[in-house]
Amino acid sequence: MRLGLTSGTEAQQHDLPEQALAAVGLTGFEDKFYQELSGGEQQRVQLARVLTQVWEPVVAGEPRWLFLDEPVSSLDIGHQLMVMQLAERYAKAGGGVIAVMHDLNLTAMFADQVALINQGQIVKQGTVIEVLTGKKLSSAYGCTLHTNTTPPSESVFLLPHMAETI
């Protein structure tokens, strides 16, 4: 876990790996071999490794960035929410988070800005309400999708059972 922690602002924090493991719900896993862990546990260990590199969201007045590629893909819903809340806290503390996501409902719950990409091209970018529309999603994914909103917050969500192939 201390891989790469020989210099920089985090190098002096000797308990940082333990803190990072705790942040991803893996307290007590310090002595386990990586290959003995489940896929979801391995994914959370990888996130902990990243966190040790950018633990402080802002250094010398400059934001640091988390780049996450499908950070919740092999996790159960409880751990998905934990990871997304961790990313949200990081952003609210002044850091930046860019995440590639396929789970549109989690994206709608947590994203401030969204870029809908189809075949490598940005179809639309903006707020969740602006981007995650039935028409745009149906076009990008090649199936009929309907979005809904919950009053009073107007939070967007999709019901997968309403999807049909085009």
N, C-alpha and C. Protein backbone atom coordinates (compact mmCIF):
# COMPACT_ATOMS: atom_id res chain seq x y z
N MET A 1 0.81 -1.20 0.00
CA MET A 1 0.00 0.00 0.00
C MET A 1 0.85 1.26 0.00
N ARG A 2 2.05 1.22 0.50
CA ARG A 2 2.86 2.44 0.55
C ARG A 2 3.57 2.68 -0.78
N LEU A 3 3.24 1.89 -1.78
CA LEU A 3 3.81 2.05 -3.11
C LEU A 3 3.72 3.51 -3.55
N GLY A 4 4.80 4.11 -3.88
CA GLY A 4 4.80 5.49 -4.35
C GLY A 4 4.76 6.53 -3.25
N LEU A 5 4.80 6.13 -2.00
CA LEU A 5 4.73 7.09 -0.90
C LEU A 5 6.10 7.41 -0.33
N THR A 6 7.09 7.51 -1.18
CA THR A 6 8.44 7.81 -0.70
C THR A 6 8.73 9.30 -0.75
N SER A 7 7.88 10.07 -1.45
CA SER A 7 8.07 11.52 -1.50
C SER A 7 6.71 12.18 -1.61
N GLY A 8 6.71 13.49 -1.52
CA GLY A 8 5.46 14.23 -1.62
C GLY A 8 4.83 14.45 -0.26
N THR A 9 3.68 15.11 -0.27
CA THR A 9 3.04 15.52 0.98
C THR A 9 2.57 14.34 1.81
N GLU A 10 2.23 13.22 1.18
CA GLU A 10 1.71 12.08 1.92
C GLU A 10 2.81 11.16 2.49
N ALA A 11 4.04 11.33 2.05
CA ALA A 11 5.12 10.41 2.44
C ALA A 11 5.34 10.36 3.95
N GLN A 12 5.11 11.46 4.63
CA GLN A 12 5.36 11.52 6.07
C GLN A 12 4.22 10.94 6.91
N GLN A 13 3.10 10.66 6.30
CA GLN A 13 1.95 10.11 7.02
C GLN A 13 2.03 8.59 7.01
N HIS A 14 2.66 8.03 8.02
CA HIS A 14 2.92 6.59 8.03
C HIS A 14 1.66 5.75 8.21
N ASP A 15 0.61 6.32 8.76
CA ASP A 15 -0.62 5.56 8.95
C ASP A 15 -1.61 5.77 7.79
N LEU A 16 -1.18 6.42 6.74
CA LEU A 16 -2.06 6.71 5.61
C LEU A 16 -2.64 5.46 4.95
N PRO A 17 -1.87 4.40 4.73
CA PRO A 17 -2.49 3.20 4.15
C PRO A 17 -3.64 2.66 5.00
N GLU A 18 -3.48 2.66 6.30
CA GLU A 18 -4.55 2.18 7.17
C GLU A 18 -5.77 3.09 7.10
N GLN A 19 -5.52 4.41 7.04
CA GLN A 19 -6.63 5.36 6.92
C GLN A 19 -7.37 5.16 5.60
N ALA A 20 -6.61 4.93 4.54
CA ALA A 20 -7.22 4.74 3.22
C ALA A 20 -8.04 3.44 3.18
N LEU A 21 -7.50 2.39 3.78
CA LEU A 21 -8.27 1.13 3.85
C LEU A 21 -9.55 1.32 4.65
N ALA A 22 -9.47 2.08 5.72
CA ALA A 22 -10.67 2.35 6.52
C ALA A 22 -11.68 3.15 5.71
N ALA A 23 -11.20 4.08 4.91
CA ALA A 23 -12.09 4.91 4.10
C ALA A 23 -12.89 4.11 3.09
N VAL A 24 -12.34 2.97 2.66
CA VAL A 24 -13.05 2.12 1.69
C VAL A 24 -13.65 0.88 2.35
N GLY A 25 -13.73 0.90 3.67
CA GLY A 25 -14.39 -0.18 4.40
C GLY A 25 -13.58 -1.46 4.52
N LEU A 26 -12.26 -1.35 4.53
CA LEU A 26 -11.41 -2.54 4.61
C LEU A 26 -10.48 -2.52 5.83
N THR A 27 -10.94 -1.95 6.92
CA THR A 27 -10.16 -2.01 8.16
C THR A 27 -9.96 -3.48 8.52
N GLY A 28 -8.73 -3.83 8.93
CA GLY A 28 -8.43 -5.21 9.29
C GLY A 28 -7.93 -6.05 8.13
N PHE A 29 -7.85 -5.47 6.93
CA PHE A 29 -7.39 -6.20 5.75
C PHE A 29 -5.91 -5.95 5.47
N GLU A 30 -5.23 -5.22 6.35
CA GLU A 30 -3.84 -4.82 6.11
C GLU A 30 -2.91 -6.00 5.85
N ASP A 31 -3.14 -7.13 6.48
CA ASP A 31 -2.23 -8.27 6.35
C ASP A 31 -2.71 -9.33 5.36
N LYS A 32 -3.76 -9.03 4.62
CA LYS A 32 -4.28 -10.00 3.64
C LYS A 32 -3.54 -9.87 2.32
N PHE A 33 -3.40 -11.00 1.64
CA PHE A 33 -2.80 -10.98 0.31
C PHE A 33 -3.85 -10.55 -0.70
N TYR A 34 -3.45 -9.69 -1.61
CA TYR A 34 -4.36 -9.12 -2.61
C TYR A 34 -5.10 -10.21 -3.38
N GLN A 35 -4.37 -11.24 -3.80
CA GLN A 35 -4.98 -12.30 -4.62
C GLN A 35 -5.99 -13.15 -3.84
N GLU A 36 -6.03 -13.03 -2.53
CA GLU A 36 -7.00 -13.76 -1.72
C GLU A 36 -8.32 -12.99 -1.56
N LEU A 37 -8.35 -11.76 -2.02
CA LEU A 37 -9.52 -10.91 -1.85
C LEU A 37 -10.53 -11.14 -2.98
N SER A 38 -11.78 -10.85 -2.69
CA SER A 38 -12.81 -10.93 -3.73
C SER A 38 -12.59 -9.80 -4.74
N GLY A 39 -13.27 -9.87 -5.86
CA GLY A 39 -13.14 -8.83 -6.88
C GLY A 39 -13.52 -7.46 -6.35
N GLY A 40 -14.59 -7.38 -5.58
CA GLY A 40 -15.01 -6.11 -5.01
C GLY A 40 -14.01 -5.59 -3.99
N GLU A 41 -13.45 -6.48 -3.19
CA GLU A 41 -12.43 -6.08 -2.21
C GLU A 41 -11.18 -5.58 -2.94
N GLN A 42 -10.79 -6.28 -4.01
CA GLN A 42 -9.63 -5.83 -4.79
C GLN A 42 -9.88 -4.44 -5.38
N GLN A 43 -11.08 -4.23 -5.85
CA GLN A 43 -11.41 -2.92 -6.43
C GLN A 43 -11.30 -1.83 -5.37
N ARG A 44 -11.77 -2.11 -4.16
CA ARG A 44 -11.68 -1.12 -3.09
C ARG A 44 -10.24 -0.92 -2.64
N VAL A 45 -9.41 -1.97 -2.67
CA VAL A 45 -7.98 -1.81 -2.37
C VAL A 45 -7.34 -0.88 -3.39
N GLN A 46 -7.71 -1.02 -4.67
CA GLN A 46 -7.15 -0.14 -5.70
C GLN A 46 -7.53 1.32 -5.43
N LEU A 47 -8.77 1.54 -5.02
CA LEU A 47 -9.20 2.90 -4.67
C LEU A 47 -8.41 3.41 -3.47
N ALA A 48 -8.18 2.56 -2.48
CA ALA A 48 -7.38 2.96 -1.31
C ALA A 48 -5.96 3.34 -1.74
N ARG A 49 -5.40 2.59 -2.67
CA ARG A 49 -4.05 2.91 -3.17
C ARG A 49 -4.02 4.29 -3.82
N VAL A 50 -5.07 4.59 -4.60
CA VAL A 50 -5.16 5.91 -5.23
C VAL A 50 -5.29 6.99 -4.16
N LEU A 51 -6.13 6.73 -3.18
CA LEU A 51 -6.34 7.73 -2.12
C LEU A 51 -5.06 8.06 -1.37
N THR A 52 -4.19 7.07 -1.19
CA THR A 52 -2.93 7.36 -0.49
C THR A 52 -2.07 8.35 -1.28
N GLN A 53 -2.27 8.41 -2.58
CA GLN A 53 -1.49 9.32 -3.42
C GLN A 53 -2.04 10.75 -3.41
N VAL A 54 -3.36 10.88 -3.17
CA VAL A 54 -4.00 12.20 -3.23
C VAL A 54 -4.89 12.42 -2.01
N TRP A 55 -4.40 12.02 -0.86
CA TRP A 55 -5.21 12.02 0.36
C TRP A 55 -5.83 13.39 0.65
N GLU A 56 -5.03 14.42 0.56
CA GLU A 56 -5.53 15.78 0.79
C GLU A 56 -6.13 16.29 -0.51
N PRO A 57 -7.41 16.68 -0.51
CA PRO A 57 -8.05 17.15 -1.75
C PRO A 57 -7.45 18.44 -2.31
N VAL A 58 -6.86 19.26 -1.44
CA VAL A 58 -6.26 20.52 -1.88
C VAL A 58 -4.88 20.63 -1.24
N VAL A 59 -3.88 20.94 -2.05
CA VAL A 59 -2.52 21.15 -1.56
C VAL A 59 -2.00 22.45 -2.16
N ALA A 60 -1.50 23.32 -1.28
CA ALA A 60 -0.98 24.63 -1.69
C ALA A 60 -2.00 25.40 -2.52
N GLY A 61 -3.26 25.30 -2.14
CA GLY A 61 -4.32 26.03 -2.83
C GLY A 61 -4.77 25.44 -4.15
N GLU A 62 -4.18 24.33 -4.53
CA GLU A 62 -4.53 23.69 -5.81
C GLU A 62 -5.31 22.41 -5.57
N PRO A 63 -6.41 22.23 -6.30
CA PRO A 63 -7.17 20.98 -6.13
C PRO A 63 -6.40 19.80 -6.70
N ARG A 64 -6.60 18.65 -6.07
CA ARG A 64 -6.06 17.39 -6.60
C ARG A 64 -7.23 16.63 -7.18
N TRP A 65 -6.93 15.67 -8.02
CA TRP A 65 -7.99 15.02 -8.79
C TRP A 65 -8.00 13.51 -8.59
N LEU A 66 -9.20 12.99 -8.49
CA LEU A 66 -9.44 11.54 -8.54
C LEU A 66 -10.00 11.24 -9.92
N PHE A 67 -9.35 10.38 -10.67
CA PHE A 67 -9.86 9.91 -11.95
C PHE A 67 -10.30 8.46 -11.74
N LEU A 68 -11.60 8.21 -11.85
CA LEU A 68 -12.15 6.90 -11.52
C LEU A 68 -12.82 6.29 -12.75
N ASP A 69 -12.40 5.08 -13.10
CA ASP A 69 -12.99 4.37 -14.23
C ASP A 69 -13.85 3.24 -13.69
N GLU A 70 -15.15 3.39 -13.79
CA GLU A 70 -16.11 2.41 -13.29
C GLU A 70 -15.80 2.02 -11.84
N PRO A 71 -15.78 2.98 -10.93
CA PRO A 71 -15.36 2.71 -9.55
C PRO A 71 -16.30 1.79 -8.77
N VAL A 72 -17.50 1.55 -9.27
CA VAL A 72 -18.48 0.74 -8.52
C VAL A 72 -18.91 -0.51 -9.28
N SER A 73 -18.21 -0.84 -10.36
CA SER A 73 -18.69 -1.89 -11.27
C SER A 73 -18.84 -3.27 -10.65
N SER A 74 -18.03 -3.64 -9.70
CA SER A 74 -18.15 -5.00 -9.13
C SER A 74 -18.51 -4.96 -7.65
N LEU A 75 -19.21 -3.90 -7.25
CA LEU A 75 -19.54 -3.74 -5.84
C LEU A 75 -21.04 -3.90 -5.60
N ASP A 76 -21.39 -4.37 -4.40
CA ASP A 76 -22.80 -4.43 -4.02
C ASP A 76 -23.27 -3.01 -3.75
N ILE A 77 -24.59 -2.83 -3.65
CA ILE A 77 -25.16 -1.49 -3.55
C ILE A 77 -24.63 -0.72 -2.33
N GLY A 78 -24.44 -1.37 -1.20
CA GLY A 78 -23.91 -0.68 -0.03
C GLY A 78 -22.52 -0.12 -0.27
N HIS A 79 -21.66 -0.92 -0.89
CA HIS A 79 -20.31 -0.45 -1.18
C HIS A 79 -20.31 0.56 -2.34
N GLN A 80 -21.25 0.42 -3.28
CA GLN A 80 -21.37 1.42 -4.34
C GLN A 80 -21.65 2.79 -3.73
N LEU A 81 -22.61 2.82 -2.82
CA LEU A 81 -22.95 4.09 -2.18
C LEU A 81 -21.78 4.63 -1.36
N MET A 82 -21.06 3.75 -0.68
CA MET A 82 -19.91 4.17 0.12
C MET A 82 -18.86 4.82 -0.78
N VAL A 83 -18.56 4.20 -1.91
CA VAL A 83 -17.54 4.75 -2.82
C VAL A 83 -18.01 6.08 -3.41
N MET A 84 -19.27 6.15 -3.80
CA MET A 84 -19.78 7.39 -4.37
C MET A 84 -19.80 8.51 -3.34
N GLN A 85 -20.15 8.19 -2.11
CA GLN A 85 -20.15 9.20 -1.04
C GLN A 85 -18.72 9.65 -0.73
N LEU A 86 -17.76 8.73 -0.79
CA LEU A 86 -16.36 9.08 -0.60
C LEU A 86 -15.92 10.08 -1.68
N ALA A 87 -16.28 9.80 -2.92
CA ALA A 87 -15.94 10.70 -4.03
C ALA A 87 -16.63 12.06 -3.86
N GLU A 88 -17.87 12.03 -3.41
CA GLU A 88 -18.62 13.27 -3.19
C GLU A 88 -17.95 14.12 -2.09
N ARG A 89 -17.55 13.48 -1.00
CA ARG A 89 -16.87 14.20 0.09
C ARG A 89 -15.56 14.81 -0.40
N TYR A 90 -14.83 14.05 -1.23
CA TYR A 90 -13.56 14.53 -1.78
C TYR A 90 -13.80 15.81 -2.60
N ALA A 91 -14.82 15.78 -3.43
CA ALA A 91 -15.14 16.95 -4.26
C ALA A 91 -15.60 18.13 -3.40
N LYS A 92 -16.42 17.87 -2.40
CA LYS A 92 -16.91 18.94 -1.54
C LYS A 92 -15.79 19.55 -0.70
N ALA A 93 -14.71 18.79 -0.49
CA ALA A 93 -13.56 19.30 0.26
C ALA A 93 -12.61 20.09 -0.64
N GLY A 94 -12.98 20.26 -1.91
CA GLY A 94 -12.19 21.08 -2.81
C GLY A 94 -11.44 20.34 -3.89
N GLY A 95 -11.42 19.01 -3.82
CA GLY A 95 -10.76 18.22 -4.85
C GLY A 95 -11.67 18.05 -6.05
N GLY A 96 -11.12 17.50 -7.10
CA GLY A 96 -11.91 17.23 -8.29
C GLY A 96 -12.08 15.73 -8.47
N VAL A 97 -13.21 15.34 -9.03
CA VAL A 97 -13.47 13.93 -9.32
C VAL A 97 -14.02 13.83 -10.73
N ILE A 98 -13.39 13.01 -11.53
CA ILE A 98 -13.91 12.66 -12.84
C ILE A 98 -14.10 11.16 -12.84
N ALA A 99 -15.33 10.72 -13.11
CA ALA A 99 -15.63 9.29 -13.07
C ALA A 99 -16.32 8.86 -14.35
N VAL A 100 -15.85 7.77 -14.91
CA VAL A 100 -16.54 7.12 -16.02
C VAL A 100 -17.54 6.17 -15.39
N MET A 101 -18.80 6.35 -15.73
CA MET A 101 -19.86 5.57 -15.09
C MET A 101 -20.80 5.01 -16.15
N HIS A 102 -21.29 3.80 -15.90
CA HIS A 102 -22.36 3.24 -16.71
C HIS A 102 -23.66 3.15 -15.93
N ASP A 103 -23.59 3.27 -14.63
CA ASP A 103 -24.80 3.23 -13.80
C ASP A 103 -25.40 4.64 -13.80
N LEU A 104 -26.44 4.81 -14.61
CA LEU A 104 -27.02 6.13 -14.80
C LEU A 104 -27.74 6.64 -13.56
N ASN A 105 -28.31 5.74 -12.76
CA ASN A 105 -28.98 6.18 -11.55
C ASN A 105 -27.98 6.70 -10.52
N LEU A 106 -26.87 6.01 -10.33
CA LEU A 106 -25.84 6.53 -9.42
C LEU A 106 -25.26 7.83 -9.95
N THR A 107 -25.08 7.91 -11.25
CA THR A 107 -24.60 9.14 -11.86
C THR A 107 -25.55 10.28 -11.56
N ALA A 108 -26.84 10.03 -11.74
CA ALA A 108 -27.85 11.07 -11.48
C ALA A 108 -27.86 11.48 -10.02
N MET A 109 -27.61 10.53 -9.13
CA MET A 109 -27.62 10.84 -7.70
C MET A 109 -26.44 11.71 -7.26
N PHE A 110 -25.29 11.50 -7.88
CA PHE A 110 -24.07 12.11 -7.34
C PHE A 110 -23.39 13.15 -8.23
N ALA A 111 -23.64 13.16 -9.51
CA ALA A 111 -22.89 14.04 -10.41
C ALA A 111 -23.37 15.49 -10.34
N ASP A 112 -22.43 16.40 -10.42
CA ASP A 112 -22.75 17.82 -10.58
C ASP A 112 -22.87 18.15 -12.06
N GLN A 113 -21.97 17.59 -12.84
CA GLN A 113 -21.94 17.78 -14.29
C GLN A 113 -21.81 16.42 -14.95
N VAL A 114 -22.39 16.27 -16.12
CA VAL A 114 -22.38 14.99 -16.84
C VAL A 114 -22.01 15.25 -18.29
N ALA A 115 -21.24 14.34 -18.85
CA ALA A 115 -20.99 14.34 -20.29
C ALA A 115 -21.48 13.00 -20.81
N LEU A 116 -22.45 13.03 -21.70
CA LEU A 116 -22.96 11.81 -22.33
C LEU A 116 -22.14 11.58 -23.59
N ILE A 117 -21.49 10.43 -23.65
CA ILE A 117 -20.58 10.13 -24.76
C ILE A 117 -21.11 8.93 -25.53
N ASN A 118 -21.11 9.05 -26.85
CA ASN A 118 -21.53 7.96 -27.73
C ASN A 118 -20.50 7.81 -28.83
N GLN A 119 -19.92 6.65 -28.94
CA GLN A 119 -18.90 6.34 -29.95
C GLN A 119 -17.77 7.37 -29.94
N GLY A 120 -17.32 7.71 -28.71
CA GLY A 120 -16.19 8.60 -28.55
C GLY A 120 -16.50 10.08 -28.73
N GLN A 121 -17.74 10.42 -28.99
CA GLN A 121 -18.11 11.81 -29.20
C GLN A 121 -19.04 12.28 -28.07
N ILE A 122 -18.83 13.50 -27.61
CA ILE A 122 -19.71 14.06 -26.59
C ILE A 122 -21.04 14.44 -27.25
N VAL A 123 -22.11 13.80 -26.80
CA VAL A 123 -23.44 14.07 -27.30
C VAL A 123 -24.00 15.33 -26.65
N LYS A 124 -23.81 15.42 -25.35
CA LYS A 124 -24.32 16.56 -24.58
C LYS A 124 -23.56 16.60 -23.26
N GLN A 125 -23.29 17.78 -22.76
CA GLN A 125 -22.73 17.91 -21.43
C GLN A 125 -23.43 19.04 -20.72
N GLY A 126 -23.52 18.89 -19.40
CA GLY A 126 -24.21 19.89 -18.59
C GLY A 126 -24.66 19.26 -17.29
N THR A 127 -25.73 19.78 -16.73
CA THR A 127 -26.27 19.23 -15.48
C THR A 127 -26.98 17.91 -15.77
N VAL A 128 -27.26 17.17 -14.72
CA VAL A 128 -27.98 15.90 -14.86
C VAL A 128 -29.31 16.11 -15.57
N ILE A 129 -30.06 17.12 -15.17
CA ILE A 129 -31.37 17.41 -15.76
C ILE A 129 -31.24 17.72 -17.25
N GLU A 130 -30.18 18.42 -17.63
CA GLU A 130 -29.98 18.79 -19.04
C GLU A 130 -29.56 17.61 -19.90
N VAL A 131 -28.77 16.71 -19.32
CA VAL A 131 -28.15 15.65 -20.13
C VAL A 131 -28.92 14.34 -20.10
N LEU A 132 -29.37 13.93 -18.93
CA LEU A 132 -30.01 12.61 -18.82
C LEU A 132 -31.50 12.70 -19.13
N THR A 133 -31.78 12.92 -20.40
CA THR A 133 -33.16 12.96 -20.87
C THR A 133 -33.45 11.68 -21.64
N GLY A 134 -34.69 11.29 -21.67
CA GLY A 134 -35.07 10.08 -22.39
C GLY A 134 -34.63 10.11 -23.84
N LYS A 135 -34.83 11.24 -24.50
CA LYS A 135 -34.50 11.36 -25.92
C LYS A 135 -32.99 11.19 -26.16
N LYS A 136 -32.18 11.90 -25.36
CA LYS A 136 -30.72 11.82 -25.54
C LYS A 136 -30.19 10.43 -25.19
N LEU A 137 -30.70 9.86 -24.09
CA LEU A 137 -30.24 8.53 -23.67
C LEU A 137 -30.67 7.46 -24.67
N SER A 138 -31.88 7.55 -25.17
CA SER A 138 -32.38 6.58 -26.15
C SER A 138 -31.51 6.60 -27.40
N SER A 139 -31.17 7.80 -27.85
CA SER A 139 -30.32 7.94 -29.03
C SER A 139 -28.92 7.37 -28.78
N ALA A 140 -28.34 7.70 -27.63
CA ALA A 140 -26.97 7.26 -27.33
C ALA A 140 -26.87 5.76 -27.12
N TYR A 141 -27.88 5.16 -26.48
CA TYR A 141 -27.81 3.74 -26.13
C TYR A 141 -28.54 2.83 -27.10
N GLY A 142 -29.26 3.38 -28.06
CA GLY A 142 -29.93 2.56 -29.06
C GLY A 142 -31.10 1.76 -28.51
N CYS A 143 -31.74 2.28 -27.49
CA CYS A 143 -32.94 1.64 -26.95
C CYS A 143 -33.84 2.72 -26.36
N THR A 144 -35.12 2.42 -26.28
CA THR A 144 -36.05 3.39 -25.73
C THR A 144 -35.88 3.46 -24.23
N LEU A 145 -35.57 4.64 -23.73
CA LEU A 145 -35.41 4.86 -22.29
C LEU A 145 -36.29 6.02 -21.87
N HIS A 146 -36.84 5.89 -20.70
CA HIS A 146 -37.67 6.95 -20.13
C HIS A 146 -37.07 7.37 -18.80
N THR A 147 -36.92 8.65 -18.63
CA THR A 147 -36.44 9.15 -17.35
C THR A 147 -37.62 9.69 -16.56
N ASN A 148 -37.44 9.74 -15.29
CA ASN A 148 -38.46 10.24 -14.38
C ASN A 148 -37.78 11.19 -13.42
N THR A 149 -38.56 11.97 -12.71
CA THR A 149 -38.01 12.81 -11.67
C THR A 149 -38.86 12.66 -10.41
N THR A 150 -38.23 12.88 -9.29
CA THR A 150 -38.94 12.80 -8.02
C THR A 150 -39.14 14.21 -7.47
N PRO A 151 -40.36 14.57 -7.16
CA PRO A 151 -40.56 15.89 -6.56
C PRO A 151 -40.11 15.86 -5.11
N PRO A 152 -39.75 16.91 -4.47
CA PRO A 152 -39.64 18.25 -5.04
C PRO A 152 -38.26 18.53 -5.61
N SER A 153 -37.31 17.61 -5.47
CA SER A 153 -35.93 17.89 -5.87
C SER A 153 -35.70 17.75 -7.36
N GLU A 154 -36.61 17.12 -8.07
CA GLU A 154 -36.45 16.87 -9.51
C GLU A 154 -35.24 16.00 -9.80
N SER A 155 -34.92 15.07 -8.90
CA SER A 155 -33.82 14.13 -9.12
C SER A 155 -34.21 13.16 -10.23
N VAL A 156 -33.30 12.98 -11.17
CA VAL A 156 -33.56 12.11 -12.32
C VAL A 156 -33.31 10.66 -11.93
N PHE A 157 -34.15 9.74 -12.42
CA PHE A 157 -33.89 8.31 -12.27
C PHE A 157 -34.48 7.57 -13.45
N LEU A 158 -33.94 6.38 -13.70
CA LEU A 158 -34.41 5.53 -14.80
C LEU A 158 -34.95 4.24 -14.22
N LEU A 159 -35.97 3.71 -14.85
CA LEU A 159 -36.51 2.41 -14.48
C LEU A 159 -36.12 1.44 -15.58
N PRO A 160 -35.18 0.51 -15.30
CA PRO A 160 -34.71 -0.39 -16.34
C PRO A 160 -35.81 -1.23 -16.99
N HIS A 161 -36.85 -1.57 -16.25
CA HIS A 161 -37.88 -2.42 -16.84
C HIS A 161 -38.66 -1.70 -17.93
N MET A 162 -38.47 -0.41 -18.08
CA MET A 162 -39.16 0.35 -19.12
C MET A 162 -38.34 0.40 -20.41
N ALA A 163 -37.12 -0.12 -20.39
CA ALA A 163 -36.25 -0.03 -21.54
C ALA A 163 -36.65 -1.06 -22.59
N GLU A 164 -36.58 -0.64 -23.85
CA GLU A 164 -36.86 -1.53 -24.97
C GLU A 164 -35.79 -1.28 -26.03
N THR A 165 -35.41 -2.32 -26.74
CA THR A 165 -34.46 -2.10 -27.83
C THR A 165 -35.16 -1.41 -28.98
N ILE A 166 -34.39 -0.63 -29.73
CA ILE A 166 -34.95 0.11 -30.86
C ILE A 166 -34.86 -0.74 -32.11
